[in-house]
Amino acid sequence: MNWHMIISGLIVVVLKIVGMTFFLLYFPQIFAKSNVGFIPTENYRTACPRGWDFNQERCFLLSTSELSWKKSRDFCETEGSTLAIVNTPEKLKFLQSITGAEKYFIGLLYQHAEKRWRWINNSIFTGKYVNAPHFSKDLDLPQEIRPEILGFVLEE
């Protein structure tokens, strides 16, 4: 009898058993379905959902969908977020860096009764941090019913 072949065969069987055991133990972890994936951010105690950008302890997402302003706002609410509120120069610079030359809706709404712009958190728009010449105080249509369809920026 050839002992070398028997020992080789036993080693192969043992390796297959060990490999199958590890596969069965870790298969659910490796291929588990997860609705929410988190990635580490600048601060490891804070995480944004997968695909979101982290800046100044906030998470931002540029939508891949193009909707009206009202539908964009409603979508953000269903996601537990809001349209972005640009209230600091740092946030403006960050959003400009991730949007490039593309146009996106933010959380700004023209209030006809008051004849002024307000952020969706009801704070008054001063124009201090948003450099956008197309914001007109004598706009004919309120922002939420304008026919434009654009992408939008979500903020958590």
N, C-alpha and C. Protein backbone atom coordinates (compact mmCIF):
# COMPACT_ATOMS: atom_id res chain seq x y z
N MET A 1 0.83 -1.18 0.00
CA MET A 1 0.00 0.00 0.00
C MET A 1 0.89 1.25 0.00
N ASN A 2 0.48 2.25 -0.73
CA ASN A 2 1.24 3.48 -0.86
C ASN A 2 0.77 4.49 0.19
N TRP A 3 1.56 4.61 1.29
CA TRP A 3 1.18 5.49 2.41
C TRP A 3 1.18 6.97 2.00
N HIS A 4 1.98 7.34 1.06
CA HIS A 4 2.04 8.73 0.60
C HIS A 4 0.72 9.16 -0.02
N MET A 5 0.11 8.29 -0.78
CA MET A 5 -1.18 8.62 -1.40
C MET A 5 -2.28 8.69 -0.36
N ILE A 6 -2.24 7.81 0.62
CA ILE A 6 -3.26 7.82 1.67
C ILE A 6 -3.15 9.10 2.50
N ILE A 7 -1.93 9.48 2.88
CA ILE A 7 -1.71 10.70 3.67
C ILE A 7 -2.12 11.93 2.86
N SER A 8 -1.76 11.97 1.59
CA SER A 8 -2.15 13.09 0.73
C SER A 8 -3.67 13.19 0.64
N GLY A 9 -4.33 12.06 0.49
CA GLY A 9 -5.79 12.05 0.42
C GLY A 9 -6.43 12.54 1.71
N LEU A 10 -5.88 12.10 2.85
CA LEU A 10 -6.40 12.56 4.15
C LEU A 10 -6.21 14.06 4.34
N ILE A 11 -5.07 14.58 3.91
CA ILE A 11 -4.82 16.03 4.02
C ILE A 11 -5.84 16.81 3.19
N VAL A 12 -6.11 16.34 1.98
CA VAL A 12 -7.09 17.00 1.11
C VAL A 12 -8.47 16.97 1.76
N VAL A 13 -8.87 15.84 2.31
CA VAL A 13 -10.19 15.72 2.96
C VAL A 13 -10.28 16.67 4.16
N VAL A 14 -9.23 16.71 4.99
CA VAL A 14 -9.23 17.59 6.17
C VAL A 14 -9.32 19.05 5.73
N LEU A 15 -8.56 19.44 4.71
CA LEU A 15 -8.61 20.82 4.22
C LEU A 15 -9.99 21.17 3.68
N LYS A 16 -10.63 20.25 2.98
CA LYS A 16 -11.98 20.50 2.47
C LYS A 16 -12.98 20.66 3.60
N ILE A 17 -12.86 19.84 4.63
CA ILE A 17 -13.77 19.93 5.78
C ILE A 17 -13.58 21.27 6.50
N VAL A 18 -12.33 21.67 6.73
CA VAL A 18 -12.05 22.94 7.40
C VAL A 18 -12.56 24.11 6.54
N GLY A 19 -12.29 24.06 5.25
CA GLY A 19 -12.76 25.13 4.35
C GLY A 19 -14.27 25.23 4.32
N MET A 20 -14.96 24.11 4.25
CA MET A 20 -16.42 24.10 4.23
C MET A 20 -16.98 24.64 5.55
N THR A 21 -16.32 24.29 6.67
CA THR A 21 -16.77 24.78 7.97
C THR A 21 -16.68 26.30 8.03
N PHE A 22 -15.55 26.86 7.61
CA PHE A 22 -15.41 28.33 7.60
C PHE A 22 -16.41 28.97 6.66
N PHE A 23 -16.61 28.36 5.50
CA PHE A 23 -17.57 28.90 4.54
C PHE A 23 -18.97 28.95 5.14
N LEU A 24 -19.40 27.86 5.77
CA LEU A 24 -20.74 27.83 6.36
C LEU A 24 -20.87 28.78 7.55
N LEU A 25 -19.81 28.96 8.31
CA LEU A 25 -19.85 29.87 9.46
C LEU A 25 -19.92 31.34 9.03
N TYR A 26 -19.16 31.71 8.01
CA TYR A 26 -19.06 33.12 7.63
C TYR A 26 -19.89 33.51 6.42
N PHE A 27 -20.51 32.57 5.74
CA PHE A 27 -21.34 32.87 4.57
C PHE A 27 -22.42 33.90 4.87
N PRO A 28 -23.20 33.75 5.95
CA PRO A 28 -24.25 34.75 6.23
C PRO A 28 -23.69 36.15 6.46
N GLN A 29 -22.51 36.26 7.05
CA GLN A 29 -21.93 37.58 7.30
C GLN A 29 -21.39 38.21 6.02
N ILE A 30 -20.82 37.39 5.17
CA ILE A 30 -20.21 37.91 3.95
C ILE A 30 -21.27 38.34 2.94
N PHE A 31 -22.33 37.55 2.80
CA PHE A 31 -23.33 37.81 1.79
C PHE A 31 -24.66 38.29 2.36
N ALA A 32 -24.65 38.82 3.55
CA ALA A 32 -25.89 39.30 4.17
C ALA A 32 -26.41 40.51 3.40
N LYS A 33 -27.72 40.59 3.26
CA LYS A 33 -28.34 41.75 2.63
C LYS A 33 -28.54 42.82 3.69
N SER A 34 -28.12 44.03 3.35
CA SER A 34 -28.27 45.14 4.28
C SER A 34 -28.87 46.31 3.53
N ASN A 35 -29.92 46.90 4.08
CA ASN A 35 -30.54 48.06 3.45
C ASN A 35 -29.72 49.32 3.66
N VAL A 36 -28.99 49.38 4.75
CA VAL A 36 -28.22 50.57 5.07
C VAL A 36 -26.77 50.17 5.22
N GLY A 37 -25.90 50.81 4.47
CA GLY A 37 -24.48 50.57 4.62
C GLY A 37 -23.83 51.84 5.12
N PHE A 38 -22.96 51.72 6.09
CA PHE A 38 -22.30 52.88 6.63
C PHE A 38 -20.82 52.81 6.32
N ILE A 39 -20.26 53.97 6.05
CA ILE A 39 -18.84 54.05 5.78
C ILE A 39 -18.20 54.96 6.81
N PRO A 40 -16.94 54.71 7.16
CA PRO A 40 -16.29 55.59 8.12
C PRO A 40 -16.10 56.98 7.52
N THR A 41 -16.14 57.99 8.35
CA THR A 41 -15.98 59.37 7.90
C THR A 41 -14.77 59.97 8.58
N GLU A 42 -14.63 61.29 8.45
CA GLU A 42 -13.50 61.98 9.08
C GLU A 42 -13.49 61.73 10.58
N ASN A 43 -14.65 61.67 11.17
CA ASN A 43 -14.78 61.42 12.60
C ASN A 43 -15.37 60.03 12.74
N TYR A 44 -14.61 59.09 13.26
CA TYR A 44 -15.06 57.70 13.28
C TYR A 44 -16.26 57.48 14.17
N ARG A 45 -16.63 58.46 15.00
CA ARG A 45 -17.83 58.32 15.82
C ARG A 45 -19.07 58.76 15.05
N THR A 46 -18.89 59.29 13.86
CA THR A 46 -19.99 59.75 13.04
C THR A 46 -19.95 59.01 11.70
N ALA A 47 -21.08 58.56 11.24
CA ALA A 47 -21.11 57.85 9.96
C ALA A 47 -22.26 58.37 9.12
N CYS A 48 -22.05 58.40 7.84
CA CYS A 48 -23.09 58.77 6.89
C CYS A 48 -23.53 57.50 6.17
N PRO A 49 -24.76 57.49 5.71
CA PRO A 49 -25.18 56.35 4.88
C PRO A 49 -24.29 56.25 3.64
N ARG A 50 -24.18 55.05 3.11
CA ARG A 50 -23.34 54.81 1.93
C ARG A 50 -23.74 55.76 0.79
N GLY A 51 -22.74 56.38 0.18
CA GLY A 51 -22.97 57.27 -0.95
C GLY A 51 -23.13 58.73 -0.56
N TRP A 52 -23.26 59.02 0.72
CA TRP A 52 -23.41 60.39 1.19
C TRP A 52 -22.03 60.97 1.47
N ASP A 53 -21.92 62.30 1.40
CA ASP A 53 -20.67 63.00 1.70
C ASP A 53 -20.77 63.63 3.08
N PHE A 54 -19.67 63.54 3.85
CA PHE A 54 -19.63 64.09 5.20
C PHE A 54 -18.91 65.42 5.20
N ASN A 55 -19.50 66.43 5.84
CA ASN A 55 -18.85 67.73 5.98
C ASN A 55 -19.41 68.43 7.21
N GLN A 56 -18.53 68.86 8.09
CA GLN A 56 -18.89 69.62 9.28
C GLN A 56 -20.02 68.97 10.07
N GLU A 57 -19.84 67.69 10.38
CA GLU A 57 -20.78 66.92 11.19
C GLU A 57 -22.17 66.80 10.57
N ARG A 58 -22.26 66.95 9.25
CA ARG A 58 -23.51 66.78 8.51
C ARG A 58 -23.26 65.85 7.33
N CYS A 59 -24.31 65.19 6.88
CA CYS A 59 -24.22 64.31 5.72
C CYS A 59 -24.99 64.94 4.56
N PHE A 60 -24.44 64.85 3.35
CA PHE A 60 -25.06 65.43 2.17
C PHE A 60 -25.10 64.39 1.06
N LEU A 61 -26.16 64.46 0.26
CA LEU A 61 -26.30 63.56 -0.88
C LEU A 61 -26.80 64.36 -2.07
N LEU A 62 -26.10 64.23 -3.20
CA LEU A 62 -26.59 64.82 -4.44
C LEU A 62 -27.51 63.79 -5.06
N SER A 63 -28.74 64.20 -5.32
CA SER A 63 -29.70 63.25 -5.87
C SER A 63 -29.30 62.84 -7.28
N THR A 64 -29.66 61.64 -7.63
CA THR A 64 -29.50 61.20 -9.02
C THR A 64 -30.82 61.36 -9.75
N SER A 65 -31.88 61.65 -9.00
CA SER A 65 -33.20 61.89 -9.58
C SER A 65 -33.37 63.37 -9.86
N GLU A 66 -34.18 63.68 -10.86
CA GLU A 66 -34.54 65.07 -11.12
C GLU A 66 -36.03 65.21 -10.90
N LEU A 67 -36.39 66.09 -9.97
CA LEU A 67 -37.79 66.29 -9.59
C LEU A 67 -38.07 67.77 -9.50
N SER A 68 -39.35 68.12 -9.33
CA SER A 68 -39.69 69.51 -9.05
C SER A 68 -39.23 69.84 -7.63
N TRP A 69 -39.22 71.13 -7.28
CA TRP A 69 -38.78 71.51 -5.94
C TRP A 69 -39.65 70.86 -4.88
N LYS A 70 -40.97 70.91 -5.07
CA LYS A 70 -41.90 70.35 -4.08
C LYS A 70 -41.69 68.84 -3.93
N LYS A 71 -41.57 68.13 -5.05
CA LYS A 71 -41.34 66.68 -4.97
C LYS A 71 -39.97 66.37 -4.37
N SER A 72 -38.99 67.23 -4.63
CA SER A 72 -37.67 67.06 -4.02
C SER A 72 -37.77 67.20 -2.51
N ARG A 73 -38.49 68.22 -2.04
CA ARG A 73 -38.68 68.42 -0.60
C ARG A 73 -39.40 67.23 0.01
N ASP A 74 -40.46 66.76 -0.66
CA ASP A 74 -41.21 65.61 -0.14
C ASP A 74 -40.34 64.35 -0.08
N PHE A 75 -39.53 64.14 -1.11
CA PHE A 75 -38.63 62.99 -1.12
C PHE A 75 -37.67 63.06 0.05
N CYS A 76 -37.10 64.24 0.29
CA CYS A 76 -36.17 64.40 1.42
C CYS A 76 -36.86 64.04 2.73
N GLU A 77 -38.09 64.48 2.91
CA GLU A 77 -38.82 64.19 4.14
C GLU A 77 -39.02 62.69 4.32
N THR A 78 -39.31 61.98 3.24
CA THR A 78 -39.49 60.52 3.36
C THR A 78 -38.18 59.83 3.71
N GLU A 79 -37.05 60.46 3.37
CA GLU A 79 -35.74 59.91 3.69
C GLU A 79 -35.24 60.36 5.06
N GLY A 80 -36.04 61.15 5.76
CA GLY A 80 -35.62 61.64 7.08
C GLY A 80 -34.58 62.75 7.00
N SER A 81 -34.59 63.49 5.91
CA SER A 81 -33.63 64.57 5.72
C SER A 81 -34.36 65.80 5.22
N THR A 82 -33.61 66.83 4.84
CA THR A 82 -34.19 68.04 4.28
C THR A 82 -33.39 68.44 3.06
N LEU A 83 -33.93 69.36 2.29
CA LEU A 83 -33.12 69.99 1.27
C LEU A 83 -32.05 70.81 1.99
N ALA A 84 -30.88 70.95 1.39
CA ALA A 84 -29.76 71.62 2.05
C ALA A 84 -30.07 73.08 2.34
N ILE A 85 -29.64 73.52 3.52
CA ILE A 85 -29.75 74.92 3.93
C ILE A 85 -28.34 75.48 3.97
N VAL A 86 -28.09 76.47 3.12
CA VAL A 86 -26.74 77.02 2.97
C VAL A 86 -26.61 78.24 3.88
N ASN A 87 -26.22 78.01 5.12
CA ASN A 87 -26.19 79.10 6.10
C ASN A 87 -24.79 79.43 6.62
N THR A 88 -23.77 78.85 6.03
CA THR A 88 -22.39 79.20 6.40
C THR A 88 -21.54 79.24 5.14
N PRO A 89 -20.49 80.06 5.15
CA PRO A 89 -19.62 80.09 3.96
C PRO A 89 -18.92 78.74 3.73
N GLU A 90 -18.64 78.01 4.81
CA GLU A 90 -18.00 76.70 4.67
C GLU A 90 -18.92 75.71 3.97
N LYS A 91 -20.20 75.74 4.33
CA LYS A 91 -21.16 74.84 3.69
C LYS A 91 -21.32 75.21 2.22
N LEU A 92 -21.36 76.50 1.91
CA LEU A 92 -21.45 76.95 0.52
C LEU A 92 -20.26 76.44 -0.28
N LYS A 93 -19.06 76.61 0.26
CA LYS A 93 -17.85 76.17 -0.44
C LYS A 93 -17.87 74.66 -0.66
N PHE A 94 -18.28 73.91 0.36
CA PHE A 94 -18.34 72.45 0.23
C PHE A 94 -19.35 72.05 -0.85
N LEU A 95 -20.55 72.64 -0.81
CA LEU A 95 -21.57 72.28 -1.80
C LEU A 95 -21.14 72.66 -3.21
N GLN A 96 -20.48 73.80 -3.36
CA GLN A 96 -19.97 74.19 -4.68
C GLN A 96 -18.92 73.19 -5.16
N SER A 97 -18.12 72.66 -4.24
CA SER A 97 -17.08 71.71 -4.64
C SER A 97 -17.67 70.38 -5.10
N ILE A 98 -18.79 69.95 -4.52
CA ILE A 98 -19.35 68.66 -4.92
C ILE A 98 -20.35 68.77 -6.07
N THR A 99 -20.92 69.97 -6.29
CA THR A 99 -21.90 70.10 -7.36
C THR A 99 -21.28 70.55 -8.67
N GLY A 100 -20.13 71.21 -8.61
CA GLY A 100 -19.52 71.71 -9.83
C GLY A 100 -20.42 72.76 -10.47
N ALA A 101 -20.57 72.68 -11.79
CA ALA A 101 -21.38 73.65 -12.51
C ALA A 101 -22.85 73.23 -12.61
N GLU A 102 -23.18 72.05 -12.12
CA GLU A 102 -24.56 71.56 -12.19
C GLU A 102 -25.46 72.35 -11.25
N LYS A 103 -26.75 72.44 -11.61
CA LYS A 103 -27.73 73.12 -10.76
C LYS A 103 -28.50 72.08 -9.94
N TYR A 104 -28.69 72.39 -8.66
CA TYR A 104 -29.44 71.52 -7.75
C TYR A 104 -30.36 72.38 -6.91
N PHE A 105 -31.52 71.81 -6.57
CA PHE A 105 -32.41 72.50 -5.64
C PHE A 105 -31.82 72.46 -4.24
N ILE A 106 -32.02 73.54 -3.51
CA ILE A 106 -31.68 73.60 -2.10
C ILE A 106 -32.95 73.99 -1.35
N GLY A 107 -32.88 74.09 -0.04
CA GLY A 107 -34.07 74.34 0.77
C GLY A 107 -34.45 75.79 0.89
N LEU A 108 -34.60 76.46 -0.23
CA LEU A 108 -34.97 77.87 -0.24
C LEU A 108 -36.32 78.03 -0.91
N LEU A 109 -37.20 78.82 -0.31
CA LEU A 109 -38.59 78.95 -0.77
C LEU A 109 -39.00 80.41 -0.75
N TYR A 110 -39.60 80.89 -1.85
CA TYR A 110 -40.09 82.28 -1.89
C TYR A 110 -41.47 82.35 -1.26
N GLN A 111 -41.63 83.21 -0.27
CA GLN A 111 -42.91 83.42 0.42
C GLN A 111 -43.58 84.65 -0.19
N HIS A 112 -44.63 84.44 -0.98
CA HIS A 112 -45.31 85.55 -1.64
C HIS A 112 -45.90 86.54 -0.65
N ALA A 113 -46.55 86.04 0.39
CA ALA A 113 -47.22 86.92 1.35
C ALA A 113 -46.21 87.87 2.00
N GLU A 114 -45.03 87.38 2.29
CA GLU A 114 -44.00 88.20 2.94
C GLU A 114 -43.10 88.90 1.93
N LYS A 115 -43.18 88.48 0.68
CA LYS A 115 -42.31 88.98 -0.39
C LYS A 115 -40.83 88.84 -0.02
N ARG A 116 -40.50 87.65 0.47
CA ARG A 116 -39.11 87.37 0.82
C ARG A 116 -38.84 85.88 0.72
N TRP A 117 -37.57 85.56 0.63
CA TRP A 117 -37.13 84.18 0.60
C TRP A 117 -36.94 83.68 2.02
N ARG A 118 -37.29 82.41 2.26
CA ARG A 118 -37.07 81.76 3.55
C ARG A 118 -36.49 80.38 3.29
N TRP A 119 -35.67 79.94 4.24
CA TRP A 119 -35.20 78.57 4.21
C TRP A 119 -36.32 77.67 4.70
N ILE A 120 -36.26 76.39 4.38
CA ILE A 120 -37.34 75.49 4.77
C ILE A 120 -37.43 75.28 6.27
N ASN A 121 -36.40 75.69 7.02
CA ASN A 121 -36.50 75.64 8.48
C ASN A 121 -37.12 76.92 9.03
N ASN A 122 -37.65 77.76 8.13
CA ASN A 122 -38.36 79.01 8.41
C ASN A 122 -37.43 80.17 8.77
N SER A 123 -36.12 80.01 8.68
CA SER A 123 -35.23 81.14 8.91
C SER A 123 -35.20 82.01 7.65
N ILE A 124 -34.95 83.30 7.84
CA ILE A 124 -34.98 84.26 6.74
C ILE A 124 -33.69 84.15 5.92
N PHE A 125 -33.86 84.17 4.61
CA PHE A 125 -32.73 84.17 3.69
C PHE A 125 -32.19 85.59 3.58
N THR A 126 -30.92 85.75 3.92
CA THR A 126 -30.30 87.08 3.87
C THR A 126 -29.52 87.29 2.58
N GLY A 127 -29.26 86.22 1.86
CA GLY A 127 -28.45 86.31 0.65
C GLY A 127 -26.97 86.37 0.95
N LYS A 128 -26.64 86.26 2.23
CA LYS A 128 -25.25 86.42 2.67
C LYS A 128 -24.34 85.30 2.16
N TYR A 129 -24.82 84.07 2.14
CA TYR A 129 -23.93 82.96 1.80
C TYR A 129 -24.24 82.29 0.47
N VAL A 130 -25.31 82.67 -0.17
CA VAL A 130 -25.64 82.07 -1.46
C VAL A 130 -25.41 83.11 -2.54
N ASN A 131 -24.49 82.84 -3.43
CA ASN A 131 -24.19 83.76 -4.51
C ASN A 131 -24.95 83.28 -5.74
N ALA A 132 -26.20 83.68 -5.83
CA ALA A 132 -27.03 83.22 -6.94
C ALA A 132 -27.83 84.39 -7.49
N PRO A 133 -27.42 84.97 -8.61
CA PRO A 133 -28.10 86.14 -9.14
C PRO A 133 -29.52 85.86 -9.61
N HIS A 134 -29.91 84.59 -9.79
CA HIS A 134 -31.25 84.30 -10.30
C HIS A 134 -32.31 84.30 -9.19
N PHE A 135 -31.95 84.59 -7.94
CA PHE A 135 -32.95 84.71 -6.88
C PHE A 135 -33.56 86.10 -6.98
N SER A 136 -34.76 86.17 -7.48
CA SER A 136 -35.43 87.46 -7.68
C SER A 136 -36.52 87.64 -6.65
N LYS A 137 -36.58 88.82 -6.05
CA LYS A 137 -37.61 89.08 -5.05
C LYS A 137 -38.98 89.31 -5.70
N ASP A 138 -39.02 89.66 -6.99
CA ASP A 138 -40.30 89.86 -7.65
C ASP A 138 -40.63 88.72 -8.61
N LEU A 139 -40.36 87.53 -8.18
CA LEU A 139 -40.64 86.32 -8.96
C LEU A 139 -42.15 86.15 -9.11
N ASP A 140 -42.59 85.75 -10.29
CA ASP A 140 -44.02 85.58 -10.53
C ASP A 140 -44.62 84.37 -9.84
N LEU A 141 -43.87 83.28 -9.75
CA LEU A 141 -44.40 82.05 -9.19
C LEU A 141 -43.69 81.70 -7.90
N PRO A 142 -44.43 81.19 -6.91
CA PRO A 142 -43.74 80.70 -5.71
C PRO A 142 -42.80 79.56 -6.10
N GLN A 143 -41.73 79.41 -5.36
CA GLN A 143 -40.71 78.41 -5.69
C GLN A 143 -41.28 77.01 -5.79
N GLU A 144 -42.25 76.66 -4.94
CA GLU A 144 -42.69 75.27 -4.94
C GLU A 144 -43.50 74.88 -6.16
N ILE A 145 -44.00 75.84 -6.95
CA ILE A 145 -44.77 75.45 -8.14
C ILE A 145 -44.08 75.84 -9.44
N ARG A 146 -42.83 76.27 -9.35
CA ARG A 146 -42.10 76.56 -10.58
C ARG A 146 -41.91 75.26 -11.36
N PRO A 147 -41.99 75.33 -12.67
CA PRO A 147 -41.97 74.11 -13.47
C PRO A 147 -40.59 73.46 -13.62
N GLU A 148 -39.54 74.06 -13.08
CA GLU A 148 -38.21 73.48 -13.25
C GLU A 148 -38.12 72.10 -12.61
N ILE A 149 -37.34 71.26 -13.25
CA ILE A 149 -37.06 69.94 -12.69
C ILE A 149 -35.54 69.81 -12.66
N LEU A 150 -35.01 69.65 -11.45
CA LEU A 150 -33.56 69.57 -11.25
C LEU A 150 -33.24 68.47 -10.27
N GLY A 151 -31.96 68.18 -10.14
CA GLY A 151 -31.50 67.34 -9.04
C GLY A 151 -31.60 68.15 -7.76
N PHE A 152 -31.34 67.53 -6.63
CA PHE A 152 -31.46 68.24 -5.36
C PHE A 152 -30.42 67.72 -4.39
N VAL A 153 -30.13 68.54 -3.36
CA VAL A 153 -29.13 68.19 -2.36
C VAL A 153 -29.84 67.88 -1.05
N LEU A 154 -29.69 66.64 -0.56
CA LEU A 154 -30.27 66.24 0.72
C LEU A 154 -29.26 66.50 1.82
N GLU A 155 -29.77 66.87 2.99
CA GLU A 155 -28.91 67.12 4.15
C GLU A 155 -29.49 66.40 5.35
N GLU A 156 -28.65 65.68 6.07
CA GLU A 156 -29.05 65.00 7.30
C GLU A 156 -28.37 65.63 8.47
